[in-house]
Amino acid sequence: MKTYKVHEAKTNLSRILNEVAEGETVYIAKGNEVVAQLIPHKKKKRPFPFGIWADQLALDDDWDSPETNKEIEDLFLNSKLFPDEDE
């Protein structure tokens, strides 16, 4: 546990922040009274949800067949999203 007076903390802020980043807890005092505590920031790691869709999605054997691709192409090109130019 390290304690710094306010003036000392202002003068050595970069060094103090490096200490905190390395895991040290630092206290800042006004006179003899501690008024602040600097603790290392803990980043929250969100675990990547491997397998979140496992057994929830299924593809037919012909999912990439020329017929299926043609059907998808027709849906895109002949939808109201892409109207003919003469309309």
PDB file of N, CA and C in Angstrom:
ATOM      1  N   MET A   1       0.855  -1.178   0.000  1.00  0.00           N
ATOM      2  CA  MET A   1       0.000   0.000   0.000  1.00  0.00           C
ATOM      3  C   MET A   1       0.895   1.233   0.000  1.00  0.00           C
ATOM      4  N   LYS A   2       0.747   2.048  -1.025  1.00  0.00           N
ATOM      5  CA  LYS A   2       1.520   3.285  -1.104  1.00  0.00           C
ATOM      6  C   LYS A   2       0.570   4.457  -0.948  1.00  0.00           C
ATOM      7  N   THR A   3       1.022   5.446  -0.191  1.00  0.00           N
ATOM      8  CA  THR A   3       0.228   6.652   0.012  1.00  0.00           C
ATOM      9  C   THR A   3       1.055   7.849  -0.428  1.00  0.00           C
ATOM     10  N   TYR A   4       0.431   8.717  -1.213  1.00  0.00           N
ATOM     11  CA  TYR A   4       1.075   9.931  -1.704  1.00  0.00           C
ATOM     12  C   TYR A   4       0.275  11.135  -1.249  1.00  0.00           C
ATOM     13  N   LYS A   5       0.972  12.201  -0.907  1.00  0.00           N
ATOM     14  CA  LYS A   5       0.313  13.477  -0.631  1.00  0.00           C
ATOM     15  C   LYS A   5      -0.140  14.044  -1.980  1.00  0.00           C
ATOM     16  N   VAL A   6      -1.098  14.959  -1.971  1.00  0.00           N
ATOM     17  CA  VAL A   6      -1.677  15.509  -3.202  1.00  0.00           C
ATOM     18  C   VAL A   6      -0.607  16.114  -4.098  1.00  0.00           C
ATOM     19  N   HIS A   7       0.260  16.946  -3.557  1.00  0.00           N
ATOM     20  CA  HIS A   7       1.300  17.589  -4.368  1.00  0.00           C
ATOM     21  C   HIS A   7       2.226  16.540  -4.991  1.00  0.00           C
ATOM     22  N   GLU A   8       2.615  15.571  -4.213  1.00  0.00           N
ATOM     23  CA  GLU A   8       3.487  14.500  -4.705  1.00  0.00           C
ATOM     24  C   GLU A   8       2.786  13.691  -5.788  1.00  0.00           C
ATOM     25  N   ALA A   9       1.501  13.453  -5.615  1.00  0.00           N
ATOM     26  CA  ALA A   9       0.731  12.700  -6.613  1.00  0.00           C
ATOM     27  C   ALA A   9       0.620  13.483  -7.922  1.00  0.00           C
ATOM     28  N   LYS A  10       0.391  14.790  -7.842  1.00  0.00           N
ATOM     29  CA  LYS A  10       0.312  15.605  -9.059  1.00  0.00           C
ATOM     30  C   LYS A  10       1.648  15.615  -9.787  1.00  0.00           C
ATOM     31  N   THR A  11       2.732  15.698  -9.048  1.00  0.00           N
ATOM     32  CA  THR A  11       4.058  15.750  -9.645  1.00  0.00           C
ATOM     33  C   THR A  11       4.436  14.430 -10.312  1.00  0.00           C
ATOM     34  N   ASN A  12       4.001  13.320  -9.733  1.00  0.00           N
ATOM     35  CA  ASN A  12       4.412  11.989 -10.205  1.00  0.00           C
ATOM     36  C   ASN A  12       3.248  11.174 -10.763  1.00  0.00           C
ATOM     37  N   LEU A  13       2.273  11.850 -11.345  1.00  0.00           N
ATOM     38  CA  LEU A  13       1.062  11.147 -11.781  1.00  0.00           C
ATOM     39  C   LEU A  13       1.355  10.011 -12.760  1.00  0.00           C
ATOM     40  N   SER A  14       2.210  10.227 -13.731  1.00  0.00           N
ATOM     41  CA  SER A  14       2.506   9.172 -14.710  1.00  0.00           C
ATOM     42  C   SER A  14       3.104   7.949 -14.033  1.00  0.00           C
ATOM     43  N   ARG A  15       4.045   8.158 -13.128  1.00  0.00           N
ATOM     44  CA  ARG A  15       4.673   7.037 -12.418  1.00  0.00           C
ATOM     45  C   ARG A  15       3.651   6.300 -11.557  1.00  0.00           C
ATOM     46  N   ILE A  16       2.786   7.057 -10.892  1.00  0.00           N
ATOM     47  CA  ILE A  16       1.753   6.451 -10.046  1.00  0.00           C
ATOM     48  C   ILE A  16       0.783   5.638 -10.890  1.00  0.00           C
ATOM     49  N   LEU A  17       0.391   6.175 -12.044  1.00  0.00           N
ATOM     50  CA  LEU A  17      -0.520   5.433 -12.917  1.00  0.00           C
ATOM     51  C   LEU A  17       0.128   4.142 -13.423  1.00  0.00           C
ATOM     52  N   ASN A  18       1.424   4.172 -13.683  1.00  0.00           N
ATOM     53  CA  ASN A  18       2.121   2.944 -14.080  1.00  0.00           C
ATOM     54  C   ASN A  18       2.092   1.915 -12.957  1.00  0.00           C
ATOM     55  N   GLU A  19       2.272   2.364 -11.718  1.00  0.00           N
ATOM     56  CA  GLU A  19       2.198   1.454 -10.571  1.00  0.00           C
ATOM     57  C   GLU A  19       0.815   0.813 -10.480  1.00  0.00           C
ATOM     58  N   VAL A  20      -0.215   1.633 -10.666  1.00  0.00           N
ATOM     59  CA  VAL A  20      -1.588   1.129 -10.596  1.00  0.00           C
ATOM     60  C   VAL A  20      -1.842   0.140 -11.738  1.00  0.00           C
ATOM     61  N   ALA A  21      -1.335   0.469 -12.919  1.00  0.00           N
ATOM     62  CA  ALA A  21      -1.519  -0.424 -14.065  1.00  0.00           C
ATOM     63  C   ALA A  21      -0.847  -1.776 -13.841  1.00  0.00           C
ATOM     64  N   GLU A  22       0.195  -1.800 -13.028  1.00  0.00           N
ATOM     65  CA  GLU A  22       0.892  -3.043 -12.716  1.00  0.00           C
ATOM     66  C   GLU A  22       0.239  -3.805 -11.568  1.00  0.00           C
ATOM     67  N   GLY A  23      -0.871  -3.285 -11.048  1.00  0.00           N
ATOM     68  CA  GLY A  23      -1.620  -4.009 -10.027  1.00  0.00           C
ATOM     69  C   GLY A  23      -1.547  -3.433  -8.629  1.00  0.00           C
ATOM     70  N   GLU A  24      -0.805  -2.373  -8.449  1.00  0.00           N
ATOM     71  CA  GLU A  24      -0.640  -1.738  -7.135  1.00  0.00           C
ATOM     72  C   GLU A  24      -1.867  -0.891  -6.800  1.00  0.00           C
ATOM     73  N   THR A  25      -2.257  -0.875  -5.525  1.00  0.00           N
ATOM     74  CA  THR A  25      -3.290   0.035  -5.057  1.00  0.00           C
ATOM     75  C   THR A  25      -2.593   1.229  -4.435  1.00  0.00           C
ATOM     76  N   VAL A  26      -3.010   2.427  -4.819  1.00  0.00           N
ATOM     77  CA  VAL A  26      -2.353   3.656  -4.365  1.00  0.00           C
ATOM     78  C   VAL A  26      -3.394   4.551  -3.690  1.00  0.00           C
ATOM     79  N   TYR A  27      -2.994   5.171  -2.600  1.00  0.00           N
ATOM     80  CA  TYR A  27      -3.866   6.073  -1.867  1.00  0.00           C
ATOM     81  C   TYR A  27      -3.332   7.498  -1.990  1.00  0.00           C
ATOM     82  N   ILE A  28      -4.252   8.465  -2.088  1.00  0.00           N
ATOM     83  CA  ILE A  28      -3.904   9.881  -2.147  1.00  0.00           C
ATOM     84  C   ILE A  28      -4.424  10.514  -0.855  1.00  0.00           C
ATOM     85  N   ALA A  29      -3.551  11.294  -0.211  1.00  0.00           N
ATOM     86  CA  ALA A  29      -3.922  11.878   1.080  1.00  0.00           C
ATOM     87  C   ALA A  29      -3.793  13.391   1.050  1.00  0.00           C
ATOM     88  N   LYS A  30      -4.723  14.035   1.758  1.00  0.00           N
ATOM     89  CA  LYS A  30      -4.648  15.473   2.043  1.00  0.00           C
ATOM     90  C   LYS A  30      -4.226  15.570   3.497  1.00  0.00           C
ATOM     91  N   GLY A  31      -3.035  16.047   3.707  1.00  0.00           N
ATOM     92  CA  GLY A  31      -2.514  16.029   5.076  1.00  0.00           C
ATOM     93  C   GLY A  31      -2.294  14.578   5.482  1.00  0.00           C
ATOM     94  N   ASN A  32      -2.922  14.178   6.583  1.00  0.00           N
ATOM     95  CA  ASN A  32      -2.800  12.790   7.039  1.00  0.00           C
ATOM     96  C   ASN A  32      -4.052  11.972   6.729  1.00  0.00           C
ATOM     97  N   GLU A  33      -5.017  12.572   6.043  1.00  0.00           N
ATOM     98  CA  GLU A  33      -6.283  11.880   5.772  1.00  0.00           C
ATOM     99  C   GLU A  33      -6.333  11.391   4.323  1.00  0.00           C
ATOM    100  N   VAL A  34      -6.534  10.104   4.165  1.00  0.00           N
ATOM    101  CA  VAL A  34      -6.660   9.520   2.822  1.00  0.00           C
ATOM    102  C   VAL A  34      -7.991   9.966   2.233  1.00  0.00           C
ATOM    103  N   VAL A  35      -7.941  10.512   1.014  1.00  0.00           N
ATOM    104  CA  VAL A  35      -9.159  11.013   0.368  1.00  0.00           C
ATOM    105  C   VAL A  35      -9.487  10.269  -0.925  1.00  0.00           C
ATOM    106  N   ALA A  36      -8.529   9.482  -1.424  1.00  0.00           N
ATOM    107  CA  ALA A  36      -8.788   8.773  -2.678  1.00  0.00           C
ATOM    108  C   ALA A  36      -8.006   7.463  -2.702  1.00  0.00           C
ATOM    109  N   GLN A  37      -8.553   6.529  -3.448  1.00  0.00           N
ATOM    110  CA  GLN A  37      -7.909   5.235  -3.641  1.00  0.00           C
ATOM    111  C   GLN A  37      -7.876   4.942  -5.136  1.00  0.00           C
ATOM    112  N   LEU A  38      -6.702   4.675  -5.675  1.00  0.00           N
ATOM    113  CA  LEU A  38      -6.566   4.306  -7.085  1.00  0.00           C
ATOM    114  C   LEU A  38      -6.341   2.806  -7.145  1.00  0.00           C
ATOM    115  N   ILE A  39      -7.216   2.128  -7.864  1.00  0.00           N
ATOM    116  CA  ILE A  39      -7.103   0.672  -7.988  1.00  0.00           C
ATOM    117  C   ILE A  39      -7.002   0.314  -9.465  1.00  0.00           C
ATOM    118  N   PRO A  40      -6.384  -0.799  -9.791  1.00  0.00           N
ATOM    119  CA  PRO A  40      -6.284  -1.197 -11.198  1.00  0.00           C
ATOM    120  C   PRO A  40      -7.666  -1.443 -11.796  1.00  0.00           C
ATOM    121  N   HIS A  41      -7.810  -1.027 -13.034  1.00  0.00           N
ATOM    122  CA  HIS A  41      -9.059  -1.246 -13.761  1.00  0.00           C
ATOM    123  C   HIS A  41      -9.085  -2.671 -14.273  1.00  0.00           C
ATOM    124  N   LYS A  42     -10.166  -3.363 -14.020  1.00  0.00           N
ATOM    125  CA  LYS A  42     -10.302  -4.726 -14.514  1.00  0.00           C
ATOM    126  C   LYS A  42     -11.232  -4.709 -15.709  1.00  0.00           C
ATOM    127  N   LYS A  43     -10.682  -5.059 -16.863  1.00  0.00           N
ATOM    128  CA  LYS A  43     -11.502  -5.099 -18.064  1.00  0.00           C
ATOM    129  C   LYS A  43     -12.382  -6.335 -18.013  1.00  0.00           C
ATOM    130  N   LYS A  44     -13.648  -6.127 -18.330  1.00  0.00           N
ATOM    131  CA  LYS A  44     -14.564  -7.249 -18.379  1.00  0.00           C
ATOM    132  C   LYS A  44     -14.403  -7.937 -19.722  1.00  0.00           C
ATOM    133  N   LYS A  45     -14.058  -9.191 -19.669  1.00  0.00           N
ATOM    134  CA  LYS A  45     -13.926  -9.949 -20.898  1.00  0.00           C
ATOM    135  C   LYS A  45     -15.213 -10.718 -21.128  1.00  0.00           C
ATOM    136  N   ARG A  46     -15.794 -10.465 -22.280  1.00  0.00           N
ATOM    137  CA  ARG A  46     -16.990 -11.225 -22.647  1.00  0.00           C
ATOM    138  C   ARG A  46     -16.522 -12.480 -23.364  1.00  0.00           C
ATOM    139  N   PRO A  47     -16.826 -13.610 -22.812  1.00  0.00           N
ATOM    140  CA  PRO A  47     -16.388 -14.829 -23.484  1.00  0.00           C
ATOM    141  C   PRO A  47     -17.100 -14.992 -24.821  1.00  0.00           C
ATOM    142  N   PHE A  48     -16.335 -15.418 -25.810  1.00  0.00           N
ATOM    143  CA  PHE A  48     -16.940 -15.652 -27.116  1.00  0.00           C
ATOM    144  C   PHE A  48     -17.789 -16.904 -27.028  1.00  0.00           C
ATOM    145  N   PRO A  49     -19.047 -16.811 -27.413  1.00  0.00           N
ATOM    146  CA  PRO A  49     -19.957 -17.951 -27.255  1.00  0.00           C
ATOM    147  C   PRO A  49     -19.795 -19.000 -28.357  1.00  0.00           C
ATOM    148  N   PHE A  50     -18.661 -19.718 -28.323  1.00  0.00           N
ATOM    149  CA  PHE A  50     -18.470 -20.772 -29.307  1.00  0.00           C
ATOM    150  C   PHE A  50     -19.614 -21.773 -29.201  1.00  0.00           C
ATOM    151  N   GLY A  51     -20.140 -22.128 -30.341  1.00  0.00           N
ATOM    152  CA  GLY A  51     -21.183 -23.146 -30.382  1.00  0.00           C
ATOM    153  C   GLY A  51     -22.553 -22.659 -29.968  1.00  0.00           C
ATOM    154  N   ILE A  52     -22.749 -21.342 -29.934  1.00  0.00           N
ATOM    155  CA  ILE A  52     -24.042 -20.824 -29.483  1.00  0.00           C
ATOM    156  C   ILE A  52     -25.186 -21.278 -30.400  1.00  0.00           C
ATOM    157  N   TRP A  53     -24.882 -21.499 -31.682  1.00  0.00           N
ATOM    158  CA  TRP A  53     -25.908 -21.924 -32.633  1.00  0.00           C
ATOM    159  C   TRP A  53     -25.858 -23.427 -32.909  1.00  0.00           C
ATOM    160  N   ALA A  54     -25.036 -24.142 -32.170  1.00  0.00           N
ATOM    161  CA  ALA A  54     -24.915 -25.582 -32.400  1.00  0.00           C
ATOM    162  C   ALA A  54     -26.276 -26.254 -32.247  1.00  0.00           C
ATOM    163  N   ASP A  55     -26.590 -27.108 -33.186  1.00  0.00           N
ATOM    164  CA  ASP A  55     -27.847 -27.883 -33.197  1.00  0.00           C
ATOM    165  C   ASP A  55     -29.091 -27.008 -33.336  1.00  0.00           C
ATOM    166  N   GLN A  56     -28.938 -25.746 -33.712  1.00  0.00           N
ATOM    167  CA  GLN A  56     -30.096 -24.880 -33.899  1.00  0.00           C
ATOM    168  C   GLN A  56     -30.299 -24.513 -35.364  1.00  0.00           C
ATOM    169  N   LEU A  57     -29.296 -24.723 -36.181  1.00  0.00           N
ATOM    170  CA  LEU A  57     -29.390 -24.420 -37.597  1.00  0.00           C
ATOM    171  C   LEU A  57     -29.144 -25.695 -38.396  1.00  0.00           C
ATOM    172  N   ALA A  58     -29.890 -25.842 -39.448  1.00  0.00           N
ATOM    173  CA  ALA A  58     -29.681 -27.003 -40.310  1.00  0.00           C
ATOM    174  C   ALA A  58     -29.773 -26.548 -41.761  1.00  0.00           C
ATOM    175  N   LEU A  59     -28.899 -27.069 -42.598  1.00  0.00           N
ATOM    176  CA  LEU A  59     -28.905 -26.753 -44.016  1.00  0.00           C
ATOM    177  C   LEU A  59     -29.276 -27.999 -44.796  1.00  0.00           C
ATOM    178  N   ASP A  60     -30.093 -27.796 -45.812  1.00  0.00           N
ATOM    179  CA  ASP A  60     -30.412 -28.915 -46.696  1.00  0.00           C
ATOM    180  C   ASP A  60     -29.180 -29.280 -47.502  1.00  0.00           C
ATOM    181  N   ASP A  61     -29.193 -30.483 -48.046  1.00  0.00           N
ATOM    182  CA  ASP A  61     -28.054 -30.929 -48.842  1.00  0.00           C
ATOM    183  C   ASP A  61     -27.885 -30.089 -50.105  1.00  0.00           C
ATOM    184  N   ASP A  62     -28.977 -29.512 -50.593  1.00  0.00           N
ATOM    185  CA  ASP A  62     -28.903 -28.733 -51.833  1.00  0.00           C
ATOM    186  C   ASP A  62     -28.829 -27.222 -51.566  1.00  0.00           C
ATOM    187  N   TRP A  63     -28.318 -26.831 -50.416  1.00  0.00           N
ATOM    188  CA  TRP A  63     -28.313 -25.414 -50.057  1.00  0.00           C
ATOM    189  C   TRP A  63     -27.471 -24.569 -51.010  1.00  0.00           C
ATOM    190  N   ASP A  64     -26.525 -25.174 -51.695  1.00  0.00           N
ATOM    191  CA  ASP A  64     -25.669 -24.417 -52.603  1.00  0.00           C
ATOM    192  C   ASP A  64     -25.779 -24.947 -54.035  1.00  0.00           C
ATOM    193  N   SER A  65     -26.924 -25.481 -54.347  1.00  0.00           N
ATOM    194  CA  SER A  65     -27.107 -26.032 -55.700  1.00  0.00           C
ATOM    195  C   SER A  65     -27.398 -24.902 -56.688  1.00  0.00           C
ATOM    196  N   PRO A  66     -27.182 -25.137 -57.973  1.00  0.00           N
ATOM    197  CA  PRO A  66     -27.495 -24.106 -58.974  1.00  0.00           C
ATOM    198  C   PRO A  66     -28.972 -23.695 -58.939  1.00  0.00           C
ATOM    199  N   GLU A  67     -29.858 -24.638 -58.659  1.00  0.00           N
ATOM    200  CA  GLU A  67     -31.291 -24.310 -58.603  1.00  0.00           C
ATOM    201  C   GLU A  67     -31.592 -23.362 -57.435  1.00  0.00           C
ATOM    202  N   THR A  68     -31.017 -23.654 -56.282  1.00  0.00           N
ATOM    203  CA  THR A  68     -31.231 -22.800 -55.116  1.00  0.00           C
ATOM    204  C   THR A  68     -30.647 -21.415 -55.344  1.00  0.00           C
ATOM    205  N   ASN A  69     -29.443 -21.363 -55.916  1.00  0.00           N
ATOM    206  CA  ASN A  69     -28.823 -20.071 -56.201  1.00  0.00           C
ATOM    207  C   ASN A  69     -29.646 -19.263 -57.198  1.00  0.00           C
ATOM    208  N   LYS A  70     -30.220 -19.920 -58.182  1.00  0.00           N
ATOM    209  CA  LYS A  70     -31.076 -19.241 -59.163  1.00  0.00           C
ATOM    210  C   LYS A  70     -32.335 -18.691 -58.487  1.00  0.00           C
ATOM    211  N   GLU A  71     -32.895 -19.488 -57.593  1.00  0.00           N
ATOM    212  CA  GLU A  71     -34.090 -19.050 -56.868  1.00  0.00           C
ATOM    213  C   GLU A  71     -33.787 -17.809 -56.015  1.00  0.00           C
ATOM    214  N   ILE A  72     -32.652 -17.816 -55.347  1.00  0.00           N
ATOM    215  CA  ILE A  72     -32.264 -16.657 -54.537  1.00  0.00           C
ATOM    216  C   ILE A  72     -32.015 -15.440 -55.423  1.00  0.00           C
ATOM    217  N   GLU A  73     -31.350 -15.664 -56.544  1.00  0.00           N
ATOM    218  CA  GLU A  73     -31.105 -14.565 -57.480  1.00  0.00           C
ATOM    219  C   GLU A  73     -32.413 -13.977 -57.981  1.00  0.00           C
ATOM    220  N   ASP A  74     -33.362 -14.824 -58.320  1.00  0.00           N
ATOM    221  CA  ASP A  74     -34.676 -14.350 -58.778  1.00  0.00           C
ATOM    222  C   ASP A  74     -35.386 -13.551 -57.690  1.00  0.00           C
ATOM    223  N   LEU A  75     -35.282 -14.016 -56.454  1.00  0.00           N
ATOM    224  CA  LEU A  75     -35.920 -13.298 -55.349  1.00  0.00           C
ATOM    225  C   LEU A  75     -35.346 -11.886 -55.205  1.00  0.00           C
ATOM    226  N   PHE A  76     -34.040 -11.757 -55.372  1.00  0.00           N
ATOM    227  CA  PHE A  76     -33.411 -10.443 -55.270  1.00  0.00           C
ATOM    228  C   PHE A  76     -33.739  -9.567 -56.470  1.00  0.00           C
ATOM    229  N   LEU A  77     -33.545 -10.101 -57.647  1.00  0.00           N
ATOM    230  CA  LEU A  77     -33.659  -9.271 -58.839  1.00  0.00           C
ATOM    231  C   LEU A  77     -35.094  -8.976 -59.235  1.00  0.00           C
ATOM    232  N   ASN A  78     -36.026  -9.810 -58.841  1.00  0.00           N
ATOM    233  CA  ASN A  78     -37.421  -9.611 -59.228  1.00  0.00           C
ATOM    234  C   ASN A  78     -38.290  -9.159 -58.069  1.00  0.00           C
ATOM    235  N   SER A  79     -37.680  -8.669 -57.042  1.00  0.00           N
ATOM    236  CA  SER A  79     -38.456  -8.184 -55.903  1.00  0.00           C
ATOM    237  C   SER A  79     -38.748  -6.698 -56.083  1.00  0.00           C
ATOM    238  N   LYS A  80     -39.582  -6.145 -55.222  1.00  0.00           N
ATOM    239  CA  LYS A  80     -39.905  -4.723 -55.294  1.00  0.00           C
ATOM    240  C   LYS A  80     -38.736  -3.859 -54.831  1.00  0.00           C
ATOM    241  N   LEU A  81     -37.737  -4.486 -54.258  1.00  0.00           N
ATOM    242  CA  LEU A  81     -36.554  -3.753 -53.848  1.00  0.00           C
ATOM    243  C   LEU A  81     -35.796  -3.234 -55.067  1.00  0.00           C
ATOM    244  N   PHE A  82     -35.810  -4.016 -56.161  1.00  0.00           N
ATOM    245  CA  PHE A  82     -35.165  -3.630 -57.410  1.00  0.00           C
ATOM    246  C   PHE A  82     -36.196  -3.636 -58.531  1.00  0.00           C
ATOM    247  N   PRO A  83     -37.069  -2.631 -58.595  1.00  0.00           N
ATOM    248  CA  PRO A  83     -38.087  -2.620 -59.642  1.00  0.00           C
ATOM    249  C   PRO A  83     -37.467  -2.392 -61.022  1.00  0.00           C
ATOM    250  N   ASP A  84     -38.189  -2.802 -62.025  1.00  0.00           N
ATOM    251  CA  ASP A  84     -37.707  -2.556 -63.389  1.00  0.00           C
ATOM    252  C   ASP A  84     -37.607  -1.050 -63.624  1.00  0.00           C
ATOM    253  N   GLU A  85     -36.721  -0.674 -64.515  1.00  0.00           N
ATOM    254  CA  GLU A  85     -36.494   0.750 -64.774  1.00  0.00           C
ATOM    255  C   GLU A  85     -37.693   1.429 -65.404  1.00  0.00           C
ATOM    256  N   ASP A  86     -38.495   0.683 -66.163  1.00  0.00           N
ATOM    257  CA  ASP A  86     -39.633   1.306 -66.849  1.00  0.00           C
ATOM    258  C   ASP A  86     -40.867   1.421 -65.958  1.00  0.00           C
ATOM    259  N   GLU A  87     -40.798   1.041 -64.711  1.00  0.00           N
ATOM    260  CA  GLU A  87     -41.959   1.176 -63.828  1.00  0.00           C
ATOM    261  C   GLU A  87     -41.956   2.501 -63.135  1.00  0.00           C
TER     262      GLU A  87
END
